[in-house]
């Protein structure tokens, strides 16, 4: 299963829902969708099954830029923390 992106606006808040597998091939689409955020960006990740190293890096960078990661699966949270720790 590829990664499916659904984008919706709630006022000036942009919400991007990811489902499936986030890989390098989908990162440009994710970044393009998130670039439309005026102020607040949330990523809904309840249905994200996996992410490769490039996908994890993209999520980490968006989080560091202020995006809220909602419903982040525990294994991905641990990977994000590990990557963030290693980059310091």
Protein backbone atom coordinates (compact mmCIF):
# COMPACT_ATOMS: atom_id res chain seq x y z
CA UNK A 1 0.00 0.00 0.00
CA UNK A 2 1.30 3.43 -0.93
CA UNK A 3 0.87 6.51 1.17
CA UNK A 4 -2.42 8.36 0.81
CA UNK A 5 -2.58 12.04 1.70
CA UNK A 6 -5.79 13.85 2.54
CA UNK A 7 -5.66 17.60 3.10
CA UNK A 8 -8.30 19.73 4.77
CA UNK A 9 -8.51 23.25 6.13
CA UNK A 10 -10.03 24.21 9.45
CA UNK A 11 -9.89 28.00 9.31
CA UNK A 12 -6.20 28.94 9.10
CA UNK A 13 -5.26 25.47 10.36
CA UNK A 14 -4.10 22.91 7.78
CA UNK A 15 -4.56 19.22 8.58
CA UNK A 16 -2.81 16.54 6.51
CA UNK A 17 -3.85 12.93 7.13
CA UNK A 18 -1.40 10.20 6.12
CA UNK A 19 -2.35 6.57 5.61
CA UNK A 20 -0.21 3.66 4.47
CA UNK A 21 3.54 3.68 3.96
CA UNK A 22 5.49 6.92 3.79
CA UNK A 23 8.55 6.48 1.63
CA UNK A 24 10.98 8.69 -0.23
CA UNK A 25 8.70 8.68 -3.29
CA UNK A 26 5.83 10.32 -1.36
CA UNK A 27 7.88 12.89 0.60
CA UNK A 28 7.76 15.55 -2.16
CA UNK A 29 3.94 15.29 -2.25
CA UNK A 30 3.81 15.55 1.54
CA UNK A 31 6.07 18.59 1.59
CA UNK A 32 4.06 20.26 -1.17
CA UNK A 33 0.80 19.66 0.70
CA UNK A 34 2.28 21.02 3.94
CA UNK A 35 3.71 24.09 2.22
CA UNK A 36 0.14 25.37 1.87
CA UNK A 37 -0.10 25.85 5.66
CA UNK A 38 -0.65 29.51 6.52
CA UNK A 39 -0.16 29.22 10.26
CA UNK A 40 -0.78 25.93 12.02
CA UNK A 41 -0.06 22.50 10.58
CA UNK A 42 -1.16 19.17 12.01
CA UNK A 43 -0.29 15.76 10.65
CA UNK A 44 -2.76 13.00 11.50
CA UNK A 45 -0.78 9.78 11.57
CA UNK A 46 -3.19 7.23 13.08
CA UNK A 47 -3.26 5.22 9.84
CA UNK A 48 0.43 5.51 8.98
CA UNK A 49 1.75 1.95 8.82
CA UNK A 50 5.44 2.63 8.22
CA UNK A 51 7.98 5.21 7.13
CA UNK A 52 11.41 4.75 5.59
CA UNK A 53 14.42 6.81 6.69
CA UNK A 54 13.56 9.69 4.32
CA UNK A 55 9.96 9.71 5.52
CA UNK A 56 11.04 9.73 9.18
CA UNK A 57 13.43 12.59 8.44
CA UNK A 58 10.63 14.57 6.76
CA UNK A 59 8.31 14.05 9.75
CA UNK A 60 11.07 15.08 12.16
CA UNK A 61 11.85 18.25 10.21
CA UNK A 62 8.18 19.22 10.05
CA UNK A 63 7.83 18.63 13.78
CA UNK A 64 10.90 20.77 14.44
CA UNK A 65 9.31 23.52 12.34
CA UNK A 66 6.22 23.48 14.54
CA UNK A 67 3.91 20.88 12.98
CA UNK A 68 1.85 18.86 15.44
CA UNK A 69 2.10 15.10 14.97
CA UNK A 70 -1.23 13.61 16.04
CA UNK A 71 -1.76 9.88 16.55
CA UNK A 72 1.90 9.07 15.99
CA UNK A 73 2.37 5.30 16.33
CA UNK A 74 4.71 4.41 19.20
CA UNK A 75 7.34 2.78 17.02
CA UNK A 76 7.55 5.93 14.87
CA UNK A 77 7.75 8.15 17.95
CA UNK A 78 10.73 6.10 19.13
CA UNK A 79 12.39 6.36 15.69
CA UNK A 80 11.85 10.13 15.60
CA UNK A 81 13.36 10.48 19.07
CA UNK A 82 16.33 8.34 18.06
CA UNK A 83 16.98 10.32 14.87
CA UNK A 84 16.62 13.62 16.74
CA UNK A 85 19.03 12.44 19.43
CA UNK A 86 21.57 11.25 16.85
CA UNK A 87 21.44 14.58 15.00
CA UNK A 88 22.50 16.58 18.07
